[in-house]
């Protein structure tokens, strides 16, 4: 089951370091139209448009990369693809979550091997209501960076720096900087992604204004996702009277707190 929201507007891993500051940047306010895509069959035209837009804005590999899954007792995994896309005159932004990775341990239990994250896909405009997804640039937010982003106040801004090859021989060849700054009129935020990739000889600078309403949706989605990216929902769903003693059993170590 896929659920997609399209926001249309007229006009217009990593070892990151995080900086929170106050500043402003120039941008104009735009008119917002939110179009929900239903799954109950009463809005089939919109649903077909949603599928078409999904296929045009992201290739099949990217879709598979963002499929989320979690372990089940029967060894099967349920997979669901979701995203939230904001369209503006000069760029589009798609937010997609990636589930945490689990690894089995003794007694048939699982542990989180790698925390989940959120992909931000920026695509520049290629014409009127058209976007060049072949030139998309992806910025990955970890849980800590998500916390910084959703805690922004009306006058706050943040900046993230990523070097995908940090600590490797290609260090410094690819640099990604994501900035989120408040609009001067207080109507929202301004997202800017700059990418310098010497390996592919690519220099890209993509910016997109985000309204208060869009940021409120983004904040709500990310706030809901954080426990899932940490695997806490999987832990909570696995609790039952018969196996609760096997989950994070620290009761036999009363001195554990003092040994931290």
Protein backbone atom coordinates (compact mmCIF):
# COMPACT_ATOMS: atom_id res chain seq x y z
CA UNK A 1 0.00 0.00 0.00
CA UNK A 2 1.44 3.38 -1.01
CA UNK A 3 0.18 6.70 0.29
CA UNK A 4 1.37 9.90 -1.35
CA UNK A 5 0.68 13.59 -0.82
CA UNK A 6 1.49 16.16 -3.49
CA UNK A 7 1.92 19.81 -2.58
CA UNK A 8 1.73 22.20 -5.54
CA UNK A 9 2.72 25.83 -5.42
CA UNK A 10 2.53 28.52 -8.11
CA UNK A 11 5.64 30.49 -8.96
CA UNK A 12 8.51 29.81 -8.35
CA UNK A 13 27.00 7.43 6.24
CA UNK A 14 28.07 10.55 7.49
CA UNK A 15 29.84 12.21 10.37
CA UNK A 16 27.99 15.49 10.25
CA UNK A 17 28.60 18.68 12.13
CA UNK A 18 25.55 20.72 13.10
CA UNK A 19 25.29 24.47 13.54
CA UNK A 20 22.18 26.24 14.81
CA UNK A 21 22.06 29.99 14.31
CA UNK A 22 19.75 32.91 13.52
CA UNK A 23 19.61 34.47 10.07
CA UNK A 24 17.28 35.36 7.20
CA UNK A 25 17.16 34.94 3.46
CA UNK A 26 15.10 36.52 0.69
CA UNK A 27 12.19 34.62 -0.88
CA UNK A 28 8.59 35.37 -1.80
CA UNK A 29 5.40 33.85 -0.42
CA UNK A 30 3.49 31.45 -2.69
CA UNK A 31 -0.05 30.07 -2.88
CA UNK A 32 -0.38 26.51 -1.56
CA UNK A 33 -2.69 23.72 -2.76
CA UNK A 34 -2.69 20.36 -0.98
CA UNK A 35 -4.05 17.41 -2.98
CA UNK A 36 -4.57 14.15 -1.00
CA UNK A 37 -4.35 10.84 -2.84
CA UNK A 38 -6.97 8.45 -1.44
CA UNK A 39 -6.95 4.66 -1.47
CA UNK A 40 -10.68 3.93 -1.08
CA UNK A 41 -11.49 4.02 -4.81
CA UNK A 42 -13.47 7.28 -4.65
CA UNK A 43 -10.61 9.30 -6.10
CA UNK A 44 -9.15 6.95 -8.68
CA UNK A 45 -8.12 9.71 -11.06
CA UNK A 46 -5.95 11.31 -8.40
CA UNK A 47 -4.57 7.89 -7.46
CA UNK A 48 -3.54 7.24 -11.07
CA UNK A 49 -1.92 10.67 -11.23
CA UNK A 50 -0.04 9.87 -8.01
CA UNK A 51 1.35 6.63 -9.44
CA UNK A 52 2.38 8.40 -12.65
CA UNK A 53 4.13 11.17 -10.71
CA UNK A 54 5.89 8.60 -8.54
CA UNK A 55 7.24 6.79 -11.58
CA UNK A 56 8.34 9.99 -13.29
CA UNK A 57 10.14 11.48 -10.33
CA UNK A 58 12.08 8.46 -9.10
CA UNK A 59 13.58 5.46 -10.83
CA UNK A 60 12.84 1.92 -9.74
CA UNK A 61 16.16 1.52 -7.93
CA UNK A 62 15.49 4.52 -5.71
CA UNK A 63 12.06 3.13 -4.92
CA UNK A 64 13.55 -0.20 -3.89
CA UNK A 65 16.21 1.57 -1.82
CA UNK A 66 13.54 3.32 0.24
CA UNK A 67 11.39 0.26 0.88
CA UNK A 68 10.96 -0.18 4.62
CA UNK A 69 10.74 -3.51 6.39
CA UNK A 70 10.87 -5.03 9.84
CA UNK A 71 11.27 -8.60 11.10
CA UNK A 72 8.24 -10.77 11.78
CA UNK A 73 7.95 -13.95 13.78
CA UNK A 74 7.22 -15.96 10.63
CA UNK A 75 10.41 -14.74 8.94
CA UNK A 76 8.44 -12.68 6.41
CA UNK A 77 8.75 -8.91 6.04
CA UNK A 78 6.04 -6.42 5.16
CA UNK A 79 7.24 -3.70 2.81
CA UNK A 80 5.67 -0.30 2.29
CA UNK A 81 6.87 2.69 0.26
CA UNK A 82 5.88 6.16 1.45
CA UNK A 83 7.06 9.69 0.73
CA UNK A 84 6.05 13.32 1.02
CA UNK A 85 6.81 15.61 -1.91
CA UNK A 86 6.80 19.40 -2.13
CA UNK A 87 6.71 20.96 -5.60
CA UNK A 88 7.76 24.55 -6.24
CA UNK A 89 8.63 26.60 -9.31
CA UNK A 90 12.38 25.98 -9.28
CA UNK A 91 12.70 22.64 -7.48
CA UNK A 92 10.95 19.71 -5.86
CA UNK A 93 11.74 18.02 -2.56
CA UNK A 94 10.83 14.44 -1.65
CA UNK A 95 11.19 13.09 1.90
CA UNK A 96 11.40 9.28 2.24
CA UNK A 97 12.19 7.20 5.36
CA UNK A 98 14.44 4.16 5.49
CA UNK A 99 13.72 1.61 8.22
CA UNK A 100 16.39 0.47 10.68
CA UNK A 101 18.28 -2.72 9.98
CA UNK A 102 17.91 -5.65 12.36
CA UNK A 103 20.20 -8.60 12.95
CA UNK A 104 19.25 -11.84 14.73
CA UNK A 105 20.79 -12.85 18.03
CA UNK A 106 20.39 -15.92 20.21
CA UNK A 107 16.96 -17.31 21.17
CA UNK A 108 15.36 -15.93 18.00
CA UNK A 109 15.54 -12.29 19.13
CA UNK A 110 16.60 -9.29 17.06
CA UNK A 111 18.68 -6.21 17.74
CA UNK A 112 19.05 -2.95 15.82
CA UNK A 113 22.18 -3.26 13.70
CA UNK A 114 21.80 0.17 12.07
CA UNK A 115 19.43 3.01 12.86
CA UNK A 116 17.01 4.20 10.21
CA UNK A 117 17.29 7.54 8.44
CA UNK A 118 15.40 9.91 6.16
CA UNK A 119 16.35 10.68 2.54
CA UNK A 120 15.85 14.21 1.23
CA UNK A 121 15.77 14.18 -2.57
CA UNK A 122 16.20 17.56 -4.29
CA UNK A 123 15.40 17.82 -8.01
CA UNK A 124 15.80 21.02 -10.07
CA UNK A 125 13.02 22.23 -12.34
CA UNK A 126 13.23 21.36 -16.05
CA UNK A 127 10.27 23.43 -17.21
CA UNK A 128 6.76 24.38 -16.21
CA UNK A 129 5.71 21.81 -13.58
CA UNK A 130 8.49 19.49 -14.76
CA UNK A 131 11.47 18.34 -12.73
CA UNK A 132 14.73 16.71 -13.76
CA UNK A 133 14.94 13.73 -11.40
CA UNK A 134 18.00 12.44 -13.27
CA UNK A 135 19.87 15.36 -11.66
CA UNK A 136 18.46 14.77 -8.21
CA UNK A 137 20.74 15.14 -5.22
CA UNK A 138 20.18 13.11 -2.05
CA UNK A 139 20.96 14.24 1.48
CA UNK A 140 20.54 11.72 4.32
CA UNK A 141 19.43 12.87 7.76
CA UNK A 142 20.23 10.68 10.74
CA UNK A 143 18.15 10.70 13.92
CA UNK A 144 20.26 13.40 15.59
CA UNK A 145 19.99 15.71 12.60
CA UNK A 146 16.24 15.12 12.42
CA UNK A 147 16.02 16.27 16.04
CA UNK A 148 17.87 19.48 15.18
CA UNK A 149 15.63 20.17 12.18
CA UNK A 150 12.27 19.63 13.90
CA UNK A 151 13.32 21.69 16.93
CA UNK A 152 13.88 24.84 14.86
CA UNK A 153 12.12 27.94 16.15
CA UNK A 154 10.70 30.69 13.91
CA UNK A 155 14.00 32.60 13.92
CA UNK A 156 16.39 29.63 14.01
CA UNK A 157 18.39 28.06 11.21
CA UNK A 158 20.58 24.99 10.93
CA UNK A 159 23.36 23.74 8.71
CA UNK A 160 24.57 20.18 8.08
CA UNK A 161 27.81 19.17 6.37
CA UNK A 162 28.35 15.69 4.92
CA UNK A 163 31.40 14.06 3.41
CA UNK A 164 30.35 10.56 2.28
CA UNK A 165 33.99 9.49 2.04
CA UNK A 166 35.15 10.85 5.37
CA UNK A 167 38.05 8.75 6.64
CA UNK A 168 38.64 7.16 3.23
CA UNK A 169 41.06 7.87 0.41
CA UNK A 170 38.41 9.93 -1.44
CA UNK A 171 37.84 12.22 1.55
CA UNK A 172 37.10 15.78 0.47
CA UNK A 173 36.12 14.82 -3.08
CA UNK A 174 32.39 15.04 -2.36
CA UNK A 175 30.94 17.76 -0.14
CA UNK A 176 27.26 18.27 0.66
CA UNK A 177 25.89 21.18 2.68
CA UNK A 178 22.22 21.48 3.65
CA UNK A 179 20.93 24.74 5.12
CA UNK A 180 17.50 25.54 6.54
CA UNK A 181 16.90 29.24 7.19
CA UNK A 182 13.78 31.24 8.09
CA UNK A 183 12.13 33.35 5.40
CA UNK A 184 12.38 37.08 6.18
CA UNK A 185 8.60 37.53 6.24
CA UNK A 186 8.19 34.68 8.74
CA UNK A 187 6.12 32.60 6.29
CA UNK A 188 8.31 29.51 6.50
CA UNK A 189 11.83 28.27 5.82
CA UNK A 190 14.28 28.25 2.95
CA UNK A 191 16.02 24.91 2.22
CA UNK A 192 19.24 24.99 0.22
CA UNK A 193 21.37 22.01 -0.81
CA UNK A 194 24.77 22.59 -2.37
CA UNK A 195 26.78 19.65 -3.71
CA UNK A 196 30.36 19.62 -4.94
CA UNK A 197 31.31 16.25 -6.45
CA UNK A 198 34.78 16.24 -7.97
CA UNK A 199 34.56 12.53 -8.75
CA UNK A 200 31.65 13.13 -11.18
CA UNK A 201 32.56 16.74 -11.99
CA UNK A 202 29.21 17.95 -10.64
CA UNK A 203 28.45 21.29 -9.00
CA UNK A 204 24.81 21.64 -7.98
CA UNK A 205 22.95 24.22 -5.92
CA UNK A 206 19.24 23.58 -5.36
CA UNK A 207 16.98 25.71 -3.19
CA UNK A 208 13.30 25.54 -2.32
CA UNK A 209 11.06 27.64 -0.03
CA UNK A 210 8.98 25.71 2.51
CA UNK A 211 5.80 27.27 3.86
CA UNK A 212 4.73 27.08 7.50
CA UNK A 213 2.08 24.53 6.61
CA UNK A 214 4.51 22.33 4.70
CA UNK A 215 7.05 22.54 7.52
CA UNK A 216 4.35 21.64 10.03
CA UNK A 217 3.59 18.48 8.03
CA UNK A 218 7.30 17.73 7.72
CA UNK A 219 7.83 18.22 11.46
CA UNK A 220 4.84 16.00 12.30
CA UNK A 221 6.04 13.21 10.00
CA UNK A 222 9.60 13.29 11.29
CA UNK A 223 8.48 13.47 14.92
CA UNK A 224 6.37 10.36 14.37
CA UNK A 225 9.19 8.56 12.54
CA UNK A 226 11.96 8.98 15.12
CA UNK A 227 10.90 6.09 17.43
CA UNK A 228 10.47 3.88 14.36
CA UNK A 229 13.92 4.78 13.03
CA UNK A 230 15.34 3.74 16.40
CA UNK A 231 13.40 0.46 16.35
CA UNK A 232 11.44 1.32 19.50
CA UNK A 233 8.10 0.51 17.87
CA UNK A 234 9.32 -2.97 16.97
CA UNK A 235 10.44 -3.49 20.56
CA UNK A 236 7.10 -2.27 21.93
CA UNK A 237 5.12 -4.48 19.54
CA UNK A 238 7.12 -7.53 20.63
CA UNK A 239 6.25 -7.14 24.32
CA UNK A 240 3.86 -9.77 25.64
CA UNK A 241 3.30 -11.45 29.03
CA UNK A 242 5.11 -14.55 27.83
CA UNK A 243 8.36 -12.95 26.63
CA UNK A 244 8.66 -9.61 28.42
CA UNK A 245 11.37 -11.02 30.65
CA UNK A 246 13.57 -11.68 27.63
CA UNK A 247 13.49 -8.09 26.39
CA UNK A 248 16.23 -5.73 27.61
CA UNK A 249 16.48 -7.70 30.84
CA UNK A 250 18.54 -5.46 33.13
CA UNK A 251 16.67 -6.32 36.34
CA UNK A 252 19.30 -8.90 37.27
CA UNK A 253 21.98 -6.18 37.29
CA UNK A 254 20.98 -3.61 39.92
CA UNK A 255 24.50 -2.17 39.81
CA UNK A 256 24.40 -1.56 36.04
CA UNK A 257 23.45 2.10 36.39
CA UNK A 258 26.45 2.81 38.57
CA UNK A 259 28.85 1.15 36.13
CA UNK A 260 28.04 3.51 33.26
